Amino acid sequence: MMCREGVLNAISEEKRKYYENFMCRLALNGESHMEERVYALNTITPYFTKQEKVQTAKSLLLFLNYINKEHLSCYLGKNKEGDEDRMAEIEKWKLEEANWINI
């Protein structure tokens, strides 16, 4: 994702550095901490707190929302009456995002 400049250009400039660093952390942390555990089929829980996992999931979904909202909406959008509007929940996270990014 980081190698394709057009992808990051879909994210506003003040948020771009956070998401660029976020993607690096996911890749590097996965390489350094996870590979052996994956092969051993052990859990990843000891490496991350619940709060870190929740923020990572929110950051990843917001990232996907910025770069391809239509695609994400196909999977998480409200498809029929009575469905939960998960895209609206993701949009609400933008208010929290300023605290993660410190903008």
PDB file of N, CA and C in Angstrom:
ATOM      1  N   MET A   1       0.822  -1.198   0.000  1.00  0.00           N
ATOM      2  CA  MET A   1       0.000   0.000   0.000  1.00  0.00           C
ATOM      3  C   MET A   1       0.861   1.254   0.000  1.00  0.00           C
ATOM      4  N   MET A   2       1.964   1.222   0.730  1.00  0.00           N
ATOM      5  CA  MET A   2       2.792   2.415   0.859  1.00  0.00           C
ATOM      6  C   MET A   2       3.554   2.727  -0.421  1.00  0.00           C
ATOM      7  N   CYS A   3       3.771   1.736  -1.239  1.00  0.00           N
ATOM      8  CA  CYS A   3       4.539   1.936  -2.467  1.00  0.00           C
ATOM      9  C   CYS A   3       3.727   2.644  -3.543  1.00  0.00           C
ATOM     10  N   ARG A   4       2.430   2.649  -3.401  1.00  0.00           N
ATOM     11  CA  ARG A   4       1.563   3.267  -4.399  1.00  0.00           C
ATOM     12  C   ARG A   4       1.126   4.628  -3.892  1.00  0.00           C
ATOM     13  N   GLU A   5       1.770   5.641  -4.389  1.00  0.00           N
ATOM     14  CA  GLU A   5       1.534   6.999  -3.916  1.00  0.00           C
ATOM     15  C   GLU A   5       0.072   7.405  -4.036  1.00  0.00           C
ATOM     16  N   GLY A   6      -0.595   6.966  -5.070  1.00  0.00           N
ATOM     17  CA  GLY A   6      -1.989   7.323  -5.269  1.00  0.00           C
ATOM     18  C   GLY A   6      -2.890   6.843  -4.146  1.00  0.00           C
ATOM     19  N   VAL A   7      -2.529   5.728  -3.529  1.00  0.00           N
ATOM     20  CA  VAL A   7      -3.330   5.203  -2.416  1.00  0.00           C
ATOM     21  C   VAL A   7      -3.305   6.173  -1.255  1.00  0.00           C
ATOM     22  N   LEU A   8      -2.134   6.597  -0.854  1.00  0.00           N
ATOM     23  CA  LEU A   8      -2.025   7.516   0.273  1.00  0.00           C
ATOM     24  C   LEU A   8      -2.572   8.899  -0.062  1.00  0.00           C
ATOM     25  N   ASN A   9      -2.583   9.266  -1.317  1.00  0.00           N
ATOM     26  CA  ASN A   9      -3.137  10.566  -1.702  1.00  0.00           C
ATOM     27  C   ASN A   9      -4.640  10.639  -1.471  1.00  0.00           C
ATOM     28  N   ALA A  10      -5.285   9.492  -1.316  1.00  0.00           N
ATOM     29  CA  ALA A  10      -6.721   9.474  -1.026  1.00  0.00           C
ATOM     30  C   ALA A  10      -7.004   9.876   0.422  1.00  0.00           C
ATOM     31  N   ILE A  11      -5.952   9.962   1.225  1.00  0.00           N
ATOM     32  CA  ILE A  11      -6.077  10.328   2.637  1.00  0.00           C
ATOM     33  C   ILE A  11      -5.607  11.766   2.797  1.00  0.00           C
ATOM     34  N   SER A  12      -6.334  12.530   3.599  1.00  0.00           N
ATOM     35  CA  SER A  12      -5.963  13.933   3.772  1.00  0.00           C
ATOM     36  C   SER A  12      -4.539  14.049   4.307  1.00  0.00           C
ATOM     37  N   GLU A  13      -3.868  15.112   3.923  1.00  0.00           N
ATOM     38  CA  GLU A  13      -2.443  15.278   4.208  1.00  0.00           C
ATOM     39  C   GLU A  13      -2.118  15.210   5.693  1.00  0.00           C
ATOM     40  N   GLU A  14      -2.972  15.794   6.544  1.00  0.00           N
ATOM     41  CA  GLU A  14      -2.667  15.794   7.978  1.00  0.00           C
ATOM     42  C   GLU A  14      -2.800  14.399   8.602  1.00  0.00           C
ATOM     43  N   LYS A  15      -3.455  13.468   7.916  1.00  0.00           N
ATOM     44  CA  LYS A  15      -3.625  12.106   8.418  1.00  0.00           C
ATOM     45  C   LYS A  15      -2.697  11.113   7.727  1.00  0.00           C
ATOM     46  N   ARG A  16      -2.130  11.514   6.636  1.00  0.00           N
ATOM     47  CA  ARG A  16      -1.352  10.612   5.780  1.00  0.00           C
ATOM     48  C   ARG A  16      -0.172   9.980   6.512  1.00  0.00           C
ATOM     49  N   LYS A  17       0.573  10.758   7.281  1.00  0.00           N
ATOM     50  CA  LYS A  17       1.755  10.248   7.972  1.00  0.00           C
ATOM     51  C   LYS A  17       1.361   9.163   8.981  1.00  0.00           C
ATOM     52  N   TYR A  18       0.247   9.403   9.699  1.00  0.00           N
ATOM     53  CA  TYR A  18      -0.218   8.394  10.665  1.00  0.00           C
ATOM     54  C   TYR A  18      -0.480   7.075   9.958  1.00  0.00           C
ATOM     55  N   TYR A  19      -1.209   7.110   8.851  1.00  0.00           N
ATOM     56  CA  TYR A  19      -1.575   5.873   8.166  1.00  0.00           C
ATOM     57  C   TYR A  19      -0.360   5.233   7.490  1.00  0.00           C
ATOM     58  N   GLU A  20       0.552   6.034   7.019  1.00  0.00           N
ATOM     59  CA  GLU A  20       1.783   5.483   6.445  1.00  0.00           C
ATOM     60  C   GLU A  20       2.564   4.744   7.536  1.00  0.00           C
ATOM     61  N   ASN A  21       2.709   5.369   8.696  1.00  0.00           N
ATOM     62  CA  ASN A  21       3.410   4.731   9.817  1.00  0.00           C
ATOM     63  C   ASN A  21       2.638   3.519  10.329  1.00  0.00           C
ATOM     64  N   PHE A  22       1.303   3.624  10.346  1.00  0.00           N
ATOM     65  CA  PHE A  22       0.459   2.533  10.797  1.00  0.00           C
ATOM     66  C   PHE A  22       0.694   1.286   9.947  1.00  0.00           C
ATOM     67  N   MET A  23       0.740   1.458   8.636  1.00  0.00           N
ATOM     68  CA  MET A  23       0.956   0.316   7.755  1.00  0.00           C
ATOM     69  C   MET A  23       2.349  -0.279   7.967  1.00  0.00           C
ATOM     70  N   CYS A  24       3.340   0.565   8.203  1.00  0.00           N
ATOM     71  CA  CYS A  24       4.696   0.067   8.489  1.00  0.00           C
ATOM     72  C   CYS A  24       4.711  -0.751   9.768  1.00  0.00           C
ATOM     73  N   ARG A  25       4.048  -0.241  10.815  1.00  0.00           N
ATOM     74  CA  ARG A  25       4.014  -0.959  12.092  1.00  0.00           C
ATOM     75  C   ARG A  25       3.352  -2.318  11.933  1.00  0.00           C
ATOM     76  N   LEU A  26       2.264  -2.379  11.170  1.00  0.00           N
ATOM     77  CA  LEU A  26       1.595  -3.665  10.965  1.00  0.00           C
ATOM     78  C   LEU A  26       2.538  -4.661  10.290  1.00  0.00           C
ATOM     79  N   ALA A  27       3.234  -4.204   9.269  1.00  0.00           N
ATOM     80  CA  ALA A  27       4.137  -5.092   8.535  1.00  0.00           C
ATOM     81  C   ALA A  27       5.328  -5.501   9.386  1.00  0.00           C
ATOM     82  N   LEU A  28       5.970  -4.533  10.027  1.00  0.00           N
ATOM     83  CA  LEU A  28       7.166  -4.833  10.806  1.00  0.00           C
ATOM     84  C   LEU A  28       6.848  -5.634  12.057  1.00  0.00           C
ATOM     85  N   ASN A  29       5.777  -5.298  12.734  1.00  0.00           N
ATOM     86  CA  ASN A  29       5.414  -6.035  13.930  1.00  0.00           C
ATOM     87  C   ASN A  29       5.045  -7.463  13.581  1.00  0.00           C
ATOM     88  N   GLY A  30       4.383  -7.642  12.471  1.00  0.00           N
ATOM     89  CA  GLY A  30       4.037  -8.980  12.031  1.00  0.00           C
ATOM     90  C   GLY A  30       5.264  -9.821  11.757  1.00  0.00           C
ATOM     91  N   GLU A  31       6.245  -9.230  11.124  1.00  0.00           N
ATOM     92  CA  GLU A  31       7.465  -9.962  10.816  1.00  0.00           C
ATOM     93  C   GLU A  31       8.250 -10.307  12.065  1.00  0.00           C
ATOM     94  N   SER A  32       8.397  -9.358  12.960  1.00  0.00           N
ATOM     95  CA  SER A  32       9.288  -9.584  14.086  1.00  0.00           C
ATOM     96  C   SER A  32       8.655 -10.395  15.206  1.00  0.00           C
ATOM     97  N   HIS A  33       7.359 -10.266  15.411  1.00  0.00           N
ATOM     98  CA  HIS A  33       6.749 -10.911  16.567  1.00  0.00           C
ATOM     99  C   HIS A  33       5.844 -12.081  16.244  1.00  0.00           C
ATOM    100  N   MET A  34       5.353 -12.164  15.048  1.00  0.00           N
ATOM    101  CA  MET A  34       4.279 -13.096  14.782  1.00  0.00           C
ATOM    102  C   MET A  34       4.671 -14.368  14.018  1.00  0.00           C
ATOM    103  N   GLU A  35       5.666 -14.306  13.208  1.00  0.00           N
ATOM    104  CA  GLU A  35       5.936 -15.416  12.300  1.00  0.00           C
ATOM    105  C   GLU A  35       6.093 -16.752  13.018  1.00  0.00           C
ATOM    106  N   GLU A  36       6.912 -16.790  14.064  1.00  0.00           N
ATOM    107  CA  GLU A  36       7.132 -18.049  14.760  1.00  0.00           C
ATOM    108  C   GLU A  36       5.858 -18.549  15.427  1.00  0.00           C
ATOM    109  N   ARG A  37       5.076 -17.642  15.996  1.00  0.00           N
ATOM    110  CA  ARG A  37       3.826 -18.047  16.653  1.00  0.00           C
ATOM    111  C   ARG A  37       2.809 -18.565  15.642  1.00  0.00           C
ATOM    112  N   VAL A  38       2.766 -17.977  14.467  1.00  0.00           N
ATOM    113  CA  VAL A  38       1.837 -18.456  13.449  1.00  0.00           C
ATOM    114  C   VAL A  38       2.178 -19.881  13.071  1.00  0.00           C
ATOM    115  N   TYR A  39       3.467 -20.135  12.867  1.00  0.00           N
ATOM    116  CA  TYR A  39       3.865 -21.490  12.512  1.00  0.00           C
ATOM    117  C   TYR A  39       3.603 -22.475  13.648  1.00  0.00           C
ATOM    118  N   ALA A  40       3.693 -22.002  14.879  1.00  0.00           N
ATOM    119  CA  ALA A  40       3.445 -22.860  16.036  1.00  0.00           C
ATOM    120  C   ALA A  40       1.954 -22.909  16.396  1.00  0.00           C
ATOM    121  N   LEU A  41       1.134 -22.136  15.683  1.00  0.00           N
ATOM    122  CA  LEU A  41      -0.307 -22.062  15.902  1.00  0.00           C
ATOM    123  C   LEU A  41      -0.667 -21.580  17.306  1.00  0.00           C
ATOM    124  N   ASN A  42       0.161 -20.715  17.858  1.00  0.00           N
ATOM    125  CA  ASN A  42      -0.143 -20.107  19.149  1.00  0.00           C
ATOM    126  C   ASN A  42      -0.869 -18.799  18.932  1.00  0.00           C
ATOM    127  N   THR A  43      -1.469 -18.279  19.966  1.00  0.00           N
ATOM    128  CA  THR A  43      -2.238 -17.050  19.890  1.00  0.00           C
ATOM    129  C   THR A  43      -1.342 -15.817  19.866  1.00  0.00           C
ATOM    130  N   ILE A  44      -1.870 -14.714  19.320  1.00  0.00           N
ATOM    131  CA  ILE A  44      -1.127 -13.456  19.285  1.00  0.00           C
ATOM    132  C   ILE A  44      -1.437 -12.583  20.489  1.00  0.00           C
ATOM    133  N   THR A  45      -2.348 -13.032  21.332  1.00  0.00           N
ATOM    134  CA  THR A  45      -2.833 -12.232  22.446  1.00  0.00           C
ATOM    135  C   THR A  45      -1.744 -11.655  23.330  1.00  0.00           C
ATOM    136  N   PRO A  46      -0.681 -12.378  23.673  1.00  0.00           N
ATOM    137  CA  PRO A  46       0.298 -11.796  24.604  1.00  0.00           C
ATOM    138  C   PRO A  46       0.973 -10.525  24.100  1.00  0.00           C
ATOM    139  N   TYR A  47       0.978 -10.269  22.811  1.00  0.00           N
ATOM    140  CA  TYR A  47       1.695  -9.129  22.275  1.00  0.00           C
ATOM    141  C   TYR A  47       0.902  -7.832  22.268  1.00  0.00           C
ATOM    142  N   PHE A  48      -0.417  -7.921  22.321  1.00  0.00           N
ATOM    143  CA  PHE A  48      -1.239  -6.718  22.181  1.00  0.00           C
ATOM    144  C   PHE A  48      -2.315  -6.671  23.251  1.00  0.00           C
ATOM    145  N   THR A  49      -2.564  -5.486  23.778  1.00  0.00           N
ATOM    146  CA  THR A  49      -3.682  -5.310  24.706  1.00  0.00           C
ATOM    147  C   THR A  49      -4.971  -5.272  23.894  1.00  0.00           C
ATOM    148  N   LYS A  50      -6.091  -5.429  24.589  1.00  0.00           N
ATOM    149  CA  LYS A  50      -7.379  -5.348  23.895  1.00  0.00           C
ATOM    150  C   LYS A  50      -7.543  -3.971  23.256  1.00  0.00           C
ATOM    151  N   GLN A  51      -7.136  -2.927  23.972  1.00  0.00           N
ATOM    152  CA  GLN A  51      -7.248  -1.559  23.444  1.00  0.00           C
ATOM    153  C   GLN A  51      -6.423  -1.394  22.167  1.00  0.00           C
ATOM    154  N   GLU A  52      -5.217  -1.971  22.132  1.00  0.00           N
ATOM    155  CA  GLU A  52      -4.381  -1.887  20.928  1.00  0.00           C
ATOM    156  C   GLU A  52      -5.029  -2.626  19.757  1.00  0.00           C
ATOM    157  N   LYS A  53      -5.625  -3.771  20.032  1.00  0.00           N
ATOM    158  CA  LYS A  53      -6.283  -4.526  18.962  1.00  0.00           C
ATOM    159  C   LYS A  53      -7.497  -3.772  18.425  1.00  0.00           C
ATOM    160  N   VAL A  54      -8.258  -3.150  19.329  1.00  0.00           N
ATOM    161  CA  VAL A  54      -9.434  -2.390  18.905  1.00  0.00           C
ATOM    162  C   VAL A  54      -9.011  -1.187  18.072  1.00  0.00           C
ATOM    163  N   GLN A  55      -7.988  -0.449  18.531  1.00  0.00           N
ATOM    164  CA  GLN A  55      -7.540   0.716  17.765  1.00  0.00           C
ATOM    165  C   GLN A  55      -6.954   0.298  16.421  1.00  0.00           C
ATOM    166  N   THR A  56      -6.250  -0.798  16.378  1.00  0.00           N
ATOM    167  CA  THR A  56      -5.704  -1.289  15.116  1.00  0.00           C
ATOM    168  C   THR A  56      -6.828  -1.625  14.141  1.00  0.00           C
ATOM    169  N   ALA A  57      -7.857  -2.300  14.628  1.00  0.00           N
ATOM    170  CA  ALA A  57      -8.995  -2.640  13.765  1.00  0.00           C
ATOM    171  C   ALA A  57      -9.687  -1.373  13.270  1.00  0.00           C
ATOM    172  N   LYS A  58      -9.887  -0.412  14.164  1.00  0.00           N
ATOM    173  CA  LYS A  58     -10.523   0.843  13.760  1.00  0.00           C
ATOM    174  C   LYS A  58      -9.658   1.585  12.742  1.00  0.00           C
ATOM    175  N   SER A  59      -8.357   1.640  12.986  1.00  0.00           N
ATOM    176  CA  SER A  59      -7.456   2.331  12.050  1.00  0.00           C
ATOM    177  C   SER A  59      -7.475   1.666  10.689  1.00  0.00           C
ATOM    178  N   LEU A  60      -7.461   0.354  10.676  1.00  0.00           N
ATOM    179  CA  LEU A  60      -7.462  -0.369   9.405  1.00  0.00           C
ATOM    180  C   LEU A  60      -8.764  -0.131   8.647  1.00  0.00           C
ATOM    181  N   LEU A  61      -9.897  -0.169   9.342  1.00  0.00           N
ATOM    182  CA  LEU A  61     -11.174   0.073   8.674  1.00  0.00           C
ATOM    183  C   LEU A  61     -11.292   1.518   8.197  1.00  0.00           C
ATOM    184  N   LEU A  62     -10.788   2.478   8.970  1.00  0.00           N
ATOM    185  CA  LEU A  62     -10.797   3.866   8.505  1.00  0.00           C
ATOM    186  C   LEU A  62      -9.890   4.040   7.294  1.00  0.00           C
ATOM    187  N   PHE A  63      -8.730   3.389   7.311  1.00  0.00           N
ATOM    188  CA  PHE A  63      -7.815   3.436   6.173  1.00  0.00           C
ATOM    189  C   PHE A  63      -8.521   2.926   4.918  1.00  0.00           C
ATOM    190  N   LEU A  64      -9.169   1.774   5.030  1.00  0.00           N
ATOM    191  CA  LEU A  64      -9.899   1.219   3.888  1.00  0.00           C
ATOM    192  C   LEU A  64     -11.038   2.136   3.464  1.00  0.00           C
ATOM    193  N   ASN A  65     -11.679   2.768   4.426  1.00  0.00           N
ATOM    194  CA  ASN A  65     -12.753   3.711   4.127  1.00  0.00           C
ATOM    195  C   ASN A  65     -12.222   4.894   3.318  1.00  0.00           C
ATOM    196  N   TYR A  66     -11.048   5.388   3.659  1.00  0.00           N
ATOM    197  CA  TYR A  66     -10.464   6.519   2.931  1.00  0.00           C
ATOM    198  C   TYR A  66     -10.059   6.145   1.510  1.00  0.00           C
ATOM    199  N   ILE A  67      -9.458   4.967   1.363  1.00  0.00           N
ATOM    200  CA  ILE A  67      -8.915   4.652   0.043  1.00  0.00           C
ATOM    201  C   ILE A  67      -9.934   4.000  -0.895  1.00  0.00           C
ATOM    202  N   ASN A  68     -10.973   3.346  -0.339  1.00  0.00           N
ATOM    203  CA  ASN A  68     -11.974   2.720  -1.207  1.00  0.00           C
ATOM    204  C   ASN A  68     -13.278   2.499  -0.437  1.00  0.00           C
ATOM    205  N   LYS A  69     -13.962   3.593  -0.167  1.00  0.00           N
ATOM    206  CA  LYS A  69     -15.201   3.552   0.611  1.00  0.00           C
ATOM    207  C   LYS A  69     -16.253   2.663  -0.041  1.00  0.00           C
ATOM    208  N   GLU A  70     -16.358   2.721  -1.333  1.00  0.00           N
ATOM    209  CA  GLU A  70     -17.369   1.932  -2.045  1.00  0.00           C
ATOM    210  C   GLU A  70     -17.153   0.438  -1.829  1.00  0.00           C
ATOM    211  N   HIS A  71     -15.914  -0.002  -1.898  1.00  0.00           N
ATOM    212  CA  HIS A  71     -15.598  -1.415  -1.702  1.00  0.00           C
ATOM    213  C   HIS A  71     -15.942  -1.851  -0.274  1.00  0.00           C
ATOM    214  N   LEU A  72     -15.530  -1.054   0.705  1.00  0.00           N
ATOM    215  CA  LEU A  72     -15.808  -1.373   2.099  1.00  0.00           C
ATOM    216  C   LEU A  72     -17.313  -1.404   2.360  1.00  0.00           C
ATOM    217  N   SER A  73     -18.017  -0.477   1.766  1.00  0.00           N
ATOM    218  CA  SER A  73     -19.467  -0.395   1.939  1.00  0.00           C
ATOM    219  C   SER A  73     -20.180  -1.632   1.386  1.00  0.00           C
ATOM    220  N   CYS A  74     -19.626  -2.236   0.365  1.00  0.00           N
ATOM    221  CA  CYS A  74     -20.223  -3.463  -0.174  1.00  0.00           C
ATOM    222  C   CYS A  74     -20.250  -4.577   0.874  1.00  0.00           C
ATOM    223  N   TYR A  75     -19.263  -4.603   1.742  1.00  0.00           N
ATOM    224  CA  TYR A  75     -19.179  -5.639   2.771  1.00  0.00           C
ATOM    225  C   TYR A  75     -19.821  -5.226   4.086  1.00  0.00           C
ATOM    226  N   LEU A  76     -19.744  -3.942   4.417  1.00  0.00           N
ATOM    227  CA  LEU A  76     -20.198  -3.500   5.730  1.00  0.00           C
ATOM    228  C   LEU A  76     -21.399  -2.573   5.698  1.00  0.00           C
ATOM    229  N   GLY A  77     -21.828  -2.193   4.507  1.00  0.00           N
ATOM    230  CA  GLY A  77     -22.950  -1.267   4.384  1.00  0.00           C
ATOM    231  C   GLY A  77     -24.280  -1.917   4.698  1.00  0.00           C
ATOM    232  N   LYS A  78     -25.270  -1.094   4.801  1.00  0.00           N
ATOM    233  CA  LYS A  78     -26.632  -1.542   5.080  1.00  0.00           C
ATOM    234  C   LYS A  78     -27.248  -2.034   3.767  1.00  0.00           C
ATOM    235  N   ASN A  79     -27.414  -3.333   3.636  1.00  0.00           N
ATOM    236  CA  ASN A  79     -27.898  -3.921   2.387  1.00  0.00           C
ATOM    237  C   ASN A  79     -29.409  -4.001   2.292  1.00  0.00           C
ATOM    238  N   LYS A  80     -30.071  -4.175   3.414  1.00  0.00           N
ATOM    239  CA  LYS A  80     -31.528  -4.271   3.397  1.00  0.00           C
ATOM    240  C   LYS A  80     -32.094  -3.654   4.663  1.00  0.00           C
ATOM    241  N   GLU A  81     -33.366  -3.374   4.648  1.00  0.00           N
ATOM    242  CA  GLU A  81     -34.042  -2.760   5.794  1.00  0.00           C
ATOM    243  C   GLU A  81     -33.833  -3.620   7.038  1.00  0.00           C
ATOM    244  N   GLY A  82     -33.492  -2.981   8.126  1.00  0.00           N
ATOM    245  CA  GLY A  82     -33.270  -3.693   9.379  1.00  0.00           C
ATOM    246  C   GLY A  82     -31.813  -4.030   9.633  1.00  0.00           C
ATOM    247  N   ASP A  83     -30.972  -3.947   8.593  1.00  0.00           N
ATOM    248  CA  ASP A  83     -29.542  -4.189   8.777  1.00  0.00           C
ATOM    249  C   ASP A  83     -28.923  -3.066   9.607  1.00  0.00           C
ATOM    250  N   GLU A  84     -27.898  -3.416  10.336  1.00  0.00           N
ATOM    251  CA  GLU A  84     -27.135  -2.417  11.080  1.00  0.00           C
ATOM    252  C   GLU A  84     -26.295  -1.608  10.103  1.00  0.00           C
ATOM    253  N   ASP A  85     -26.206  -0.309  10.308  1.00  0.00           N
ATOM    254  CA  ASP A  85     -25.399   0.554   9.437  1.00  0.00           C
ATOM    255  C   ASP A  85     -23.981   0.654  10.005  1.00  0.00           C
ATOM    256  N   ARG A  86     -23.163  -0.327   9.659  1.00  0.00           N
ATOM    257  CA  ARG A  86     -21.795  -0.369  10.185  1.00  0.00           C
ATOM    258  C   ARG A  86     -20.917   0.721   9.589  1.00  0.00           C
ATOM    259  N   MET A  87     -21.233   1.188   8.403  1.00  0.00           N
ATOM    260  CA  MET A  87     -20.468   2.284   7.797  1.00  0.00           C
ATOM    261  C   MET A  87     -20.644   3.567   8.612  1.00  0.00           C
ATOM    262  N   ALA A  88     -21.826   3.770   9.168  1.00  0.00           N
ATOM    263  CA  ALA A  88     -22.060   4.956  10.005  1.00  0.00           C
ATOM    264  C   ALA A  88     -21.195   4.879  11.255  1.00  0.00           C
ATOM    265  N   GLU A  89     -21.029   3.693  11.803  1.00  0.00           N
ATOM    266  CA  GLU A  89     -20.165   3.517  12.981  1.00  0.00           C
ATOM    267  C   GLU A  89     -18.713   3.843  12.632  1.00  0.00           C
ATOM    268  N   ILE A  90     -18.268   3.401  11.481  1.00  0.00           N
ATOM    269  CA  ILE A  90     -16.895   3.694  11.044  1.00  0.00           C
ATOM    270  C   ILE A  90     -16.713   5.200  10.869  1.00  0.00           C
ATOM    271  N   GLU A  91     -17.688   5.869  10.315  1.00  0.00           N
ATOM    272  CA  GLU A  91     -17.618   7.330  10.148  1.00  0.00           C
ATOM    273  C   GLU A  91     -17.491   8.029  11.504  1.00  0.00           C
ATOM    274  N   LYS A  92     -18.146   7.500  12.535  1.00  0.00           N
ATOM    275  CA  LYS A  92     -18.060   8.094  13.879  1.00  0.00           C
ATOM    276  C   LYS A  92     -16.635   8.029  14.434  1.00  0.00           C
ATOM    277  N   TRP A  93     -15.886   7.025  14.027  1.00  0.00           N
ATOM    278  CA  TRP A  93     -14.526   6.866  14.540  1.00  0.00           C
ATOM    279  C   TRP A  93     -13.618   8.007  14.111  1.00  0.00           C
ATOM    280  N   LYS A  94     -14.017   8.751  13.099  1.00  0.00           N
ATOM    281  CA  LYS A  94     -13.208   9.892  12.660  1.00  0.00           C
ATOM    282  C   LYS A  94     -13.048  10.908  13.781  1.00  0.00           C
ATOM    283  N   LEU A  95     -14.014  10.977  14.691  1.00  0.00           N
ATOM    284  CA  LEU A  95     -13.908  11.877  15.837  1.00  0.00           C
ATOM    285  C   LEU A  95     -12.818  11.409  16.801  1.00  0.00           C
ATOM    286  N   GLU A  96     -12.688  10.104  16.975  1.00  0.00           N
ATOM    287  CA  GLU A  96     -11.640   9.537  17.829  1.00  0.00           C
ATOM    288  C   GLU A  96     -10.267   9.635  17.167  1.00  0.00           C
ATOM    289  N   GLU A  97     -10.271   9.546  15.868  1.00  0.00           N
ATOM    290  CA  GLU A  97      -9.044   9.489  15.088  1.00  0.00           C
ATOM    291  C   GLU A  97      -8.101  10.661  15.391  1.00  0.00           C
ATOM    292  N   ALA A  98      -8.640  11.830  15.630  1.00  0.00           N
ATOM    293  CA  ALA A  98      -7.805  12.993  15.913  1.00  0.00           C
ATOM    294  C   ALA A  98      -6.941  12.754  17.148  1.00  0.00           C
ATOM    295  N   ASN A  99      -7.432  11.994  18.116  1.00  0.00           N
ATOM    296  CA  ASN A  99      -6.644  11.680  19.300  1.00  0.00           C
ATOM    297  C   ASN A  99      -5.505  10.723  18.993  1.00  0.00           C
ATOM    298  N   TRP A 100      -5.716   9.804  18.067  1.00  0.00           N
ATOM    299  CA  TRP A 100      -4.663   8.848  17.700  1.00  0.00           C
ATOM    300  C   TRP A 100      -3.557   9.546  16.936  1.00  0.00           C
ATOM    301  N   ILE A 101      -3.971  10.477  16.078  1.00  0.00           N
ATOM    302  CA  ILE A 101      -3.039  11.144  15.174  1.00  0.00           C
ATOM    303  C   ILE A 101      -2.406  12.378  15.808  1.00  0.00           C
ATOM    304  N   ASN A 102      -3.067  12.930  16.795  1.00  0.00           N
ATOM    305  CA  ASN A 102      -2.618  14.167  17.443  1.00  0.00           C
ATOM    306  C   ASN A 102      -2.604  15.341  16.485  1.00  0.00           C
ATOM    307  N   ILE A 103      -3.731  15.532  15.780  1.00  0.00           N
ATOM    308  CA  ILE A 103      -3.816  16.689  14.879  1.00  0.00           C
ATOM    309  C   ILE A 103      -4.676  17.762  15.497  1.00  0.00           C
TER     310      ILE A 103
END
